[in-house]
Amino acid sequence: QERTAGSVKGILLVIAAALFFSGFAEAGRTQPEKEAAKLMVYRAKTMQRAAFAGESDADVYSRLAETESHPLLREDMNALRKIRSSDIDRIINAKVTGCEMKEKSAGTRFFEISVKWYLLGYDGYYSEEVTYLVRTVTSGRKMYLSDLQPA
């Protein structure tokens, strides 16, 4: 019986992961908007995997550093330490529903990005849409998320 429960949990985890990774959509009309949306998707995947897969801080930091710069990188690492010791709701799926560049100056761009989150909590499945004000910085030809705040 214990073995069956473990198998069922494993199957549910695989299904949840498949739903999670297949549901992201690319939003935005311009190349910078598409790139910012992709960065948000990668960040969400990385944070979810880091929170529930037991990866080392060094591995998580290294993956997040591919798409984030400070102060967001430091904030995400601190948040992850808190998340791991709490009972947060799990992200099952997410969809970037809108991404619009609001301002550009030198290597810094400001976006408004809307994400529809599909979550699993103690009361079951639910969804919510959150709009974020996002600042990116460019180093060379690569864009990085540097700040993210709910609007």
N, C-alpha and C. Protein backbone atom coordinates (compact mmCIF):
# COMPACT_ATOMS: atom_id res chain seq x y z
N GLN A 1 0.83 -1.19 0.00
CA GLN A 1 0.00 0.00 0.00
C GLN A 1 0.87 1.26 0.00
N GLU A 2 1.93 1.24 0.80
CA GLU A 2 2.84 2.38 0.87
C GLU A 2 3.53 2.59 -0.48
N ARG A 3 3.88 1.48 -1.11
CA ARG A 3 4.53 1.55 -2.41
C ARG A 3 3.59 2.13 -3.48
N THR A 4 2.32 1.76 -3.42
CA THR A 4 1.31 2.28 -4.34
C THR A 4 1.15 3.78 -4.16
N ALA A 5 1.09 4.23 -2.90
CA ALA A 5 0.96 5.67 -2.63
C ALA A 5 2.15 6.43 -3.20
N GLY A 6 3.34 5.86 -3.06
CA GLY A 6 4.54 6.48 -3.62
C GLY A 6 4.48 6.56 -5.13
N SER A 7 3.98 5.51 -5.77
CA SER A 7 3.85 5.49 -7.23
C SER A 7 2.86 6.53 -7.70
N VAL A 8 1.74 6.65 -6.99
CA VAL A 8 0.72 7.63 -7.35
C VAL A 8 1.29 9.04 -7.21
N LYS A 9 2.02 9.29 -6.13
CA LYS A 9 2.64 10.61 -5.93
C LYS A 9 3.62 10.90 -7.06
N GLY A 10 4.39 9.90 -7.45
CA GLY A 10 5.35 10.07 -8.54
C GLY A 10 4.67 10.41 -9.86
N ILE A 11 3.58 9.70 -10.14
CA ILE A 11 2.84 9.96 -11.38
C ILE A 11 2.25 11.36 -11.36
N LEU A 12 1.66 11.76 -10.22
CA LEU A 12 1.09 13.10 -10.10
C LEU A 12 2.16 14.17 -10.28
N LEU A 13 3.36 13.93 -9.74
CA LEU A 13 4.45 14.88 -9.89
C LEU A 13 4.85 15.03 -11.36
N VAL A 14 4.92 13.92 -12.09
CA VAL A 14 5.27 13.95 -13.51
C VAL A 14 4.20 14.71 -14.30
N ILE A 15 2.92 14.44 -13.99
CA ILE A 15 1.84 15.13 -14.69
C ILE A 15 1.89 16.63 -14.40
N ALA A 16 2.09 16.98 -13.12
CA ALA A 16 2.17 18.40 -12.74
C ALA A 16 3.34 19.07 -13.46
N ALA A 17 4.48 18.39 -13.52
CA ALA A 17 5.64 18.97 -14.20
C ALA A 17 5.37 19.16 -15.69
N ALA A 18 4.72 18.19 -16.30
CA ALA A 18 4.40 18.30 -17.73
C ALA A 18 3.47 19.47 -17.98
N LEU A 19 2.45 19.60 -17.15
CA LEU A 19 1.54 20.74 -17.29
C LEU A 19 2.28 22.05 -17.07
N PHE A 20 3.11 22.08 -16.06
CA PHE A 20 3.85 23.30 -15.71
C PHE A 20 4.74 23.74 -16.85
N PHE A 21 5.52 22.83 -17.39
CA PHE A 21 6.49 23.23 -18.40
C PHE A 21 5.89 23.38 -19.79
N SER A 22 4.71 22.84 -20.03
CA SER A 22 4.12 22.97 -21.35
C SER A 22 3.24 24.20 -21.48
N GLY A 23 2.86 24.81 -20.37
CA GLY A 23 1.84 25.85 -20.42
C GLY A 23 2.33 27.26 -20.59
N PHE A 24 3.60 27.47 -20.63
CA PHE A 24 4.09 28.83 -20.76
C PHE A 24 3.90 29.33 -22.18
N ALA A 25 3.50 30.56 -22.29
CA ALA A 25 3.30 31.17 -23.61
C ALA A 25 4.19 32.39 -23.73
N GLU A 26 4.58 32.67 -24.91
CA GLU A 26 5.40 33.85 -25.16
C GLU A 26 4.48 35.02 -25.49
N ALA A 27 4.65 36.11 -24.78
CA ALA A 27 3.83 37.30 -25.02
C ALA A 27 4.73 38.43 -25.50
N GLY A 28 4.13 39.42 -26.10
CA GLY A 28 4.89 40.58 -26.54
C GLY A 28 4.97 40.65 -28.04
N ARG A 29 5.10 41.87 -28.52
CA ARG A 29 5.15 42.09 -29.97
C ARG A 29 6.56 42.34 -30.47
N THR A 30 7.36 43.05 -29.69
CA THR A 30 8.71 43.38 -30.12
C THR A 30 9.70 42.34 -29.58
N GLN A 31 10.89 42.32 -30.13
CA GLN A 31 11.90 41.37 -29.68
C GLN A 31 12.24 41.57 -28.20
N PRO A 32 12.45 42.82 -27.71
CA PRO A 32 12.71 42.98 -26.27
C PRO A 32 11.56 42.49 -25.40
N GLU A 33 10.32 42.68 -25.84
CA GLU A 33 9.16 42.21 -25.07
C GLU A 33 9.14 40.68 -25.03
N LYS A 34 9.41 40.05 -26.14
CA LYS A 34 9.45 38.58 -26.19
C LYS A 34 10.57 38.06 -25.29
N GLU A 35 11.70 38.73 -25.33
CA GLU A 35 12.84 38.30 -24.52
C GLU A 35 12.53 38.45 -23.03
N ALA A 36 11.91 39.57 -22.64
CA ALA A 36 11.55 39.78 -21.23
C ALA A 36 10.55 38.73 -20.77
N ALA A 37 9.59 38.39 -21.63
CA ALA A 37 8.60 37.36 -21.30
C ALA A 37 9.30 36.01 -21.10
N LYS A 38 10.24 35.68 -21.96
CA LYS A 38 10.99 34.42 -21.83
C LYS A 38 11.77 34.38 -20.52
N LEU A 39 12.35 35.52 -20.13
CA LEU A 39 13.10 35.58 -18.88
C LEU A 39 12.17 35.31 -17.69
N MET A 40 10.97 35.86 -17.73
CA MET A 40 9.99 35.62 -16.66
C MET A 40 9.64 34.14 -16.58
N VAL A 41 9.46 33.51 -17.72
CA VAL A 41 9.12 32.08 -17.77
C VAL A 41 10.27 31.26 -17.18
N TYR A 42 11.48 31.55 -17.59
CA TYR A 42 12.64 30.80 -17.10
C TYR A 42 12.78 30.97 -15.59
N ARG A 43 12.58 32.19 -15.11
CA ARG A 43 12.67 32.47 -13.68
C ARG A 43 11.63 31.65 -12.92
N ALA A 44 10.40 31.62 -13.40
CA ALA A 44 9.33 30.87 -12.72
C ALA A 44 9.67 29.38 -12.67
N LYS A 45 10.12 28.83 -13.77
CA LYS A 45 10.49 27.41 -13.82
C LYS A 45 11.62 27.12 -12.84
N THR A 46 12.63 27.97 -12.84
CA THR A 46 13.79 27.76 -11.97
C THR A 46 13.40 27.85 -10.51
N MET A 47 12.60 28.85 -10.15
CA MET A 47 12.18 29.02 -8.75
C MET A 47 11.33 27.84 -8.30
N GLN A 48 10.43 27.38 -9.13
CA GLN A 48 9.57 26.24 -8.79
C GLN A 48 10.41 24.99 -8.58
N ARG A 49 11.30 24.73 -9.51
CA ARG A 49 12.14 23.54 -9.41
C ARG A 49 13.05 23.63 -8.18
N ALA A 50 13.58 24.81 -7.91
CA ALA A 50 14.47 25.00 -6.76
C ALA A 50 13.72 24.82 -5.44
N ALA A 51 12.49 25.27 -5.39
CA ALA A 51 11.71 25.20 -4.16
C ALA A 51 11.33 23.78 -3.79
N PHE A 52 11.09 22.94 -4.79
CA PHE A 52 10.54 21.62 -4.49
C PHE A 52 11.43 20.45 -4.90
N ALA A 53 12.56 20.69 -5.54
CA ALA A 53 13.39 19.58 -6.00
C ALA A 53 14.63 19.36 -5.15
N GLY A 54 14.83 20.20 -4.14
CA GLY A 54 15.96 20.00 -3.24
C GLY A 54 17.32 20.25 -3.85
N GLU A 55 17.42 21.16 -4.79
CA GLU A 55 18.71 21.46 -5.41
C GLU A 55 19.57 22.31 -4.49
N SER A 56 20.86 22.26 -4.70
CA SER A 56 21.77 23.05 -3.87
C SER A 56 21.65 24.53 -4.22
N ASP A 57 21.96 25.38 -3.24
CA ASP A 57 21.92 26.82 -3.47
C ASP A 57 22.88 27.23 -4.59
N ALA A 58 24.01 26.57 -4.67
CA ALA A 58 24.99 26.91 -5.71
C ALA A 58 24.43 26.64 -7.11
N ASP A 59 23.74 25.51 -7.27
CA ASP A 59 23.14 25.18 -8.57
C ASP A 59 22.04 26.16 -8.93
N VAL A 60 21.20 26.48 -7.95
CA VAL A 60 20.11 27.41 -8.19
C VAL A 60 20.66 28.79 -8.54
N TYR A 61 21.64 29.25 -7.79
CA TYR A 61 22.25 30.56 -8.03
C TYR A 61 22.82 30.63 -9.45
N SER A 62 23.48 29.57 -9.82
CA SER A 62 24.10 29.52 -11.14
C SER A 62 23.05 29.59 -12.26
N ARG A 63 21.93 28.86 -12.11
CA ARG A 63 20.88 28.91 -13.12
C ARG A 63 20.18 30.27 -13.14
N LEU A 64 19.88 30.82 -11.96
CA LEU A 64 19.23 32.13 -11.92
C LEU A 64 20.14 33.22 -12.48
N ALA A 65 21.45 33.09 -12.27
CA ALA A 65 22.40 34.09 -12.76
C ALA A 65 22.44 34.14 -14.28
N GLU A 66 21.91 33.12 -14.95
CA GLU A 66 21.83 33.13 -16.41
C GLU A 66 20.83 34.17 -16.90
N THR A 67 19.84 34.51 -16.05
CA THR A 67 18.77 35.41 -16.48
C THR A 67 18.52 36.57 -15.53
N GLU A 68 19.21 36.61 -14.39
CA GLU A 68 18.97 37.66 -13.41
C GLU A 68 20.27 38.34 -13.02
N SER A 69 20.12 39.61 -12.61
CA SER A 69 21.23 40.34 -12.01
C SER A 69 20.76 40.88 -10.67
N HIS A 70 21.66 41.47 -9.95
CA HIS A 70 21.30 42.03 -8.65
C HIS A 70 20.53 43.33 -8.86
N PRO A 71 19.60 43.66 -8.01
CA PRO A 71 19.30 43.07 -6.71
C PRO A 71 18.35 41.87 -6.77
N LEU A 72 17.70 41.59 -7.90
CA LEU A 72 16.72 40.51 -7.97
C LEU A 72 17.33 39.16 -7.66
N LEU A 73 18.53 38.91 -8.12
CA LEU A 73 19.18 37.62 -7.88
C LEU A 73 19.35 37.38 -6.38
N ARG A 74 19.79 38.37 -5.65
CA ARG A 74 19.95 38.26 -4.19
C ARG A 74 18.58 38.06 -3.52
N GLU A 75 17.59 38.83 -3.96
CA GLU A 75 16.23 38.72 -3.38
C GLU A 75 15.64 37.34 -3.62
N ASP A 76 15.82 36.78 -4.82
CA ASP A 76 15.29 35.45 -5.11
C ASP A 76 15.96 34.38 -4.27
N MET A 77 17.25 34.48 -4.08
CA MET A 77 17.96 33.49 -3.26
C MET A 77 17.48 33.56 -1.81
N ASN A 78 17.28 34.76 -1.29
CA ASN A 78 16.76 34.91 0.08
C ASN A 78 15.33 34.37 0.17
N ALA A 79 14.51 34.66 -0.83
CA ALA A 79 13.13 34.18 -0.84
C ALA A 79 13.09 32.65 -0.89
N LEU A 80 13.99 32.06 -1.65
CA LEU A 80 14.02 30.61 -1.77
C LEU A 80 14.29 29.93 -0.43
N ARG A 81 15.17 30.50 0.35
CA ARG A 81 15.47 29.93 1.67
C ARG A 81 14.21 29.93 2.54
N LYS A 82 13.41 30.99 2.44
CA LYS A 82 12.16 31.06 3.22
C LYS A 82 11.11 30.10 2.66
N ILE A 83 11.03 30.02 1.33
CA ILE A 83 10.04 29.16 0.67
C ILE A 83 10.27 27.69 1.04
N ARG A 84 11.50 27.28 1.07
CA ARG A 84 11.82 25.88 1.33
C ARG A 84 11.37 25.43 2.71
N SER A 85 11.28 26.36 3.64
CA SER A 85 10.87 25.98 5.00
C SER A 85 9.41 26.34 5.28
N SER A 86 8.61 26.55 4.22
CA SER A 86 7.21 26.92 4.42
C SER A 86 6.32 25.99 3.59
N ASP A 87 5.04 26.17 3.78
CA ASP A 87 4.05 25.40 3.01
C ASP A 87 3.39 26.30 1.98
N ILE A 88 4.15 26.74 1.00
CA ILE A 88 3.58 27.63 -0.01
C ILE A 88 2.79 26.82 -1.03
N ASP A 89 1.91 27.49 -1.73
CA ASP A 89 1.16 26.84 -2.80
C ASP A 89 2.10 26.55 -3.96
N ARG A 90 1.84 25.45 -4.64
CA ARG A 90 2.69 25.04 -5.76
C ARG A 90 2.20 25.65 -7.06
N ILE A 91 3.13 26.03 -7.89
CA ILE A 91 2.81 26.52 -9.23
C ILE A 91 2.63 25.29 -10.11
N ILE A 92 1.46 25.16 -10.71
CA ILE A 92 1.19 24.05 -11.61
C ILE A 92 1.44 24.51 -13.05
N ASN A 93 1.09 25.73 -13.34
CA ASN A 93 1.24 26.25 -14.69
C ASN A 93 1.26 27.78 -14.60
N ALA A 94 1.78 28.41 -15.60
CA ALA A 94 1.79 29.86 -15.67
C ALA A 94 1.79 30.28 -17.13
N LYS A 95 1.18 31.40 -17.38
CA LYS A 95 1.11 31.89 -18.76
C LYS A 95 1.36 33.40 -18.74
N VAL A 96 2.32 33.85 -19.49
CA VAL A 96 2.55 35.29 -19.65
C VAL A 96 1.46 35.77 -20.60
N THR A 97 0.54 36.58 -20.07
CA THR A 97 -0.61 37.02 -20.86
C THR A 97 -0.39 38.37 -21.52
N GLY A 98 0.60 39.10 -21.06
CA GLY A 98 0.90 40.39 -21.66
C GLY A 98 2.27 40.88 -21.27
N CYS A 99 2.91 41.55 -22.20
CA CYS A 99 4.23 42.12 -21.93
C CYS A 99 4.37 43.36 -22.78
N GLU A 100 4.55 44.50 -22.13
CA GLU A 100 4.67 45.75 -22.85
C GLU A 100 5.83 46.56 -22.30
N MET A 101 6.73 46.98 -23.19
CA MET A 101 7.83 47.83 -22.77
C MET A 101 7.28 49.23 -22.53
N LYS A 102 7.59 49.77 -21.35
CA LYS A 102 7.07 51.08 -20.98
C LYS A 102 8.09 52.19 -21.15
N GLU A 103 9.36 51.84 -20.97
CA GLU A 103 10.40 52.86 -21.02
C GLU A 103 11.75 52.21 -21.33
N LYS A 104 12.62 53.00 -21.96
CA LYS A 104 13.95 52.50 -22.29
C LYS A 104 14.93 53.65 -22.09
N SER A 105 16.03 53.35 -21.41
CA SER A 105 17.10 54.35 -21.28
C SER A 105 18.43 53.61 -21.20
N ALA A 106 19.29 53.89 -22.13
CA ALA A 106 20.60 53.22 -22.24
C ALA A 106 20.39 51.70 -22.23
N GLY A 107 21.00 50.98 -21.29
CA GLY A 107 20.89 49.53 -21.23
C GLY A 107 19.79 49.05 -20.29
N THR A 108 18.92 49.95 -19.88
CA THR A 108 17.85 49.60 -18.95
C THR A 108 16.50 49.73 -19.64
N ARG A 109 15.65 48.72 -19.44
CA ARG A 109 14.30 48.76 -19.99
C ARG A 109 13.31 48.46 -18.87
N PHE A 110 12.13 49.06 -18.97
CA PHE A 110 11.08 48.83 -17.99
C PHE A 110 9.87 48.24 -18.71
N PHE A 111 9.35 47.15 -18.15
CA PHE A 111 8.23 46.43 -18.76
C PHE A 111 7.09 46.30 -17.76
N GLU A 112 5.91 46.12 -18.30
CA GLU A 112 4.76 45.70 -17.53
C GLU A 112 4.41 44.32 -18.05
N ILE A 113 4.53 43.32 -17.19
CA ILE A 113 4.33 41.94 -17.60
C ILE A 113 3.22 41.32 -16.75
N SER A 114 2.22 40.76 -17.41
CA SER A 114 1.12 40.09 -16.71
C SER A 114 1.29 38.58 -16.82
N VAL A 115 1.11 37.92 -15.69
CA VAL A 115 1.26 36.46 -15.63
C VAL A 115 0.01 35.88 -14.99
N LYS A 116 -0.56 34.88 -15.63
CA LYS A 116 -1.67 34.13 -15.03
C LYS A 116 -1.06 32.89 -14.41
N TRP A 117 -1.19 32.79 -13.09
CA TRP A 117 -0.63 31.68 -12.34
C TRP A 117 -1.74 30.66 -12.07
N TYR A 118 -1.42 29.39 -12.27
CA TYR A 118 -2.31 28.29 -11.94
C TYR A 118 -1.64 27.56 -10.78
N LEU A 119 -2.32 27.53 -9.64
CA LEU A 119 -1.70 27.08 -8.40
C LEU A 119 -2.48 25.95 -7.75
N LEU A 120 -1.80 25.23 -6.87
CA LEU A 120 -2.40 24.18 -6.07
C LEU A 120 -2.10 24.48 -4.62
N GLY A 121 -3.15 24.67 -3.84
CA GLY A 121 -3.00 24.95 -2.41
C GLY A 121 -3.81 23.97 -1.59
N TYR A 122 -3.92 24.24 -0.31
CA TYR A 122 -4.68 23.35 0.58
C TYR A 122 -6.14 23.23 0.17
N ASP A 123 -6.69 24.29 -0.41
CA ASP A 123 -8.10 24.27 -0.82
C ASP A 123 -8.30 23.81 -2.25
N GLY A 124 -7.27 23.30 -2.89
CA GLY A 124 -7.38 22.81 -4.26
C GLY A 124 -6.74 23.74 -5.27
N TYR A 125 -7.14 23.57 -6.52
CA TYR A 125 -6.59 24.34 -7.62
C TYR A 125 -7.26 25.71 -7.72
N TYR A 126 -6.49 26.70 -8.08
CA TYR A 126 -7.03 28.04 -8.32
C TYR A 126 -6.07 28.79 -9.23
N SER A 127 -6.51 29.92 -9.75
CA SER A 127 -5.64 30.73 -10.59
C SER A 127 -5.77 32.19 -10.18
N GLU A 128 -4.73 32.93 -10.50
CA GLU A 128 -4.74 34.37 -10.27
C GLU A 128 -3.84 35.03 -11.29
N GLU A 129 -4.20 36.25 -11.65
CA GLU A 129 -3.38 36.99 -12.61
C GLU A 129 -2.73 38.15 -11.88
N VAL A 130 -1.43 38.29 -12.08
CA VAL A 130 -0.66 39.34 -11.41
C VAL A 130 0.11 40.09 -12.48
N THR A 131 0.10 41.41 -12.37
CA THR A 131 0.89 42.24 -13.27
C THR A 131 2.11 42.73 -12.49
N TYR A 132 3.26 42.66 -13.13
CA TYR A 132 4.52 43.04 -12.50
C TYR A 132 5.15 44.21 -13.25
N LEU A 133 5.80 45.07 -12.50
CA LEU A 133 6.65 46.10 -13.08
C LEU A 133 8.06 45.51 -13.04
N VAL A 134 8.66 45.38 -14.20
CA VAL A 134 9.92 44.67 -14.33
C VAL A 134 10.97 45.59 -14.93
N ARG A 135 12.14 45.61 -14.31
CA ARG A 135 13.28 46.34 -14.85
C ARG A 135 14.29 45.31 -15.34
N THR A 136 14.79 45.53 -16.55
CA THR A 136 15.85 44.68 -17.08
C THR A 136 17.08 45.53 -17.35
N VAL A 137 18.21 44.89 -17.34
CA VAL A 137 19.46 45.55 -17.73
C VAL A 137 20.10 44.70 -18.82
N THR A 138 20.86 45.36 -19.67
CA THR A 138 21.53 44.66 -20.75
C THR A 138 23.03 44.75 -20.54
N SER A 139 23.67 43.60 -20.67
CA SER A 139 25.13 43.54 -20.59
C SER A 139 25.59 42.86 -21.87
N GLY A 140 26.32 43.61 -22.69
CA GLY A 140 26.66 43.10 -24.01
C GLY A 140 25.37 43.02 -24.81
N ARG A 141 25.05 41.83 -25.29
CA ARG A 141 23.79 41.63 -26.03
C ARG A 141 22.76 40.87 -25.21
N LYS A 142 23.07 40.59 -23.96
CA LYS A 142 22.20 39.76 -23.14
C LYS A 142 21.38 40.59 -22.15
N MET A 143 20.09 40.29 -22.09
CA MET A 143 19.18 40.97 -21.17
C MET A 143 19.04 40.15 -19.89
N TYR A 144 18.98 40.84 -18.74
CA TYR A 144 18.80 40.21 -17.45
C TYR A 144 17.68 40.90 -16.69
N LEU A 145 16.89 40.12 -15.93
CA LEU A 145 15.92 40.72 -15.03
C LEU A 145 16.69 41.29 -13.85
N SER A 146 16.39 42.53 -13.45
CA SER A 146 17.12 43.10 -12.33
C SER A 146 16.21 43.54 -11.20
N ASP A 147 14.93 43.75 -11.48
CA ASP A 147 13.97 44.09 -10.43
C ASP A 147 12.59 43.68 -10.89
N LEU A 148 11.78 43.26 -9.93
CA LEU A 148 10.44 42.79 -10.25
C LEU A 148 9.55 43.10 -9.06
N GLN A 149 8.50 43.86 -9.28
CA GLN A 149 7.56 44.24 -8.22
C GLN A 149 6.14 44.08 -8.73
N PRO A 150 5.23 43.55 -7.90
CA PRO A 150 3.83 43.51 -8.32
C PRO A 150 3.34 44.95 -8.55
N ALA A 151 2.55 45.15 -9.60
CA ALA A 151 2.08 46.50 -9.93
C ALA A 151 1.02 46.96 -8.94
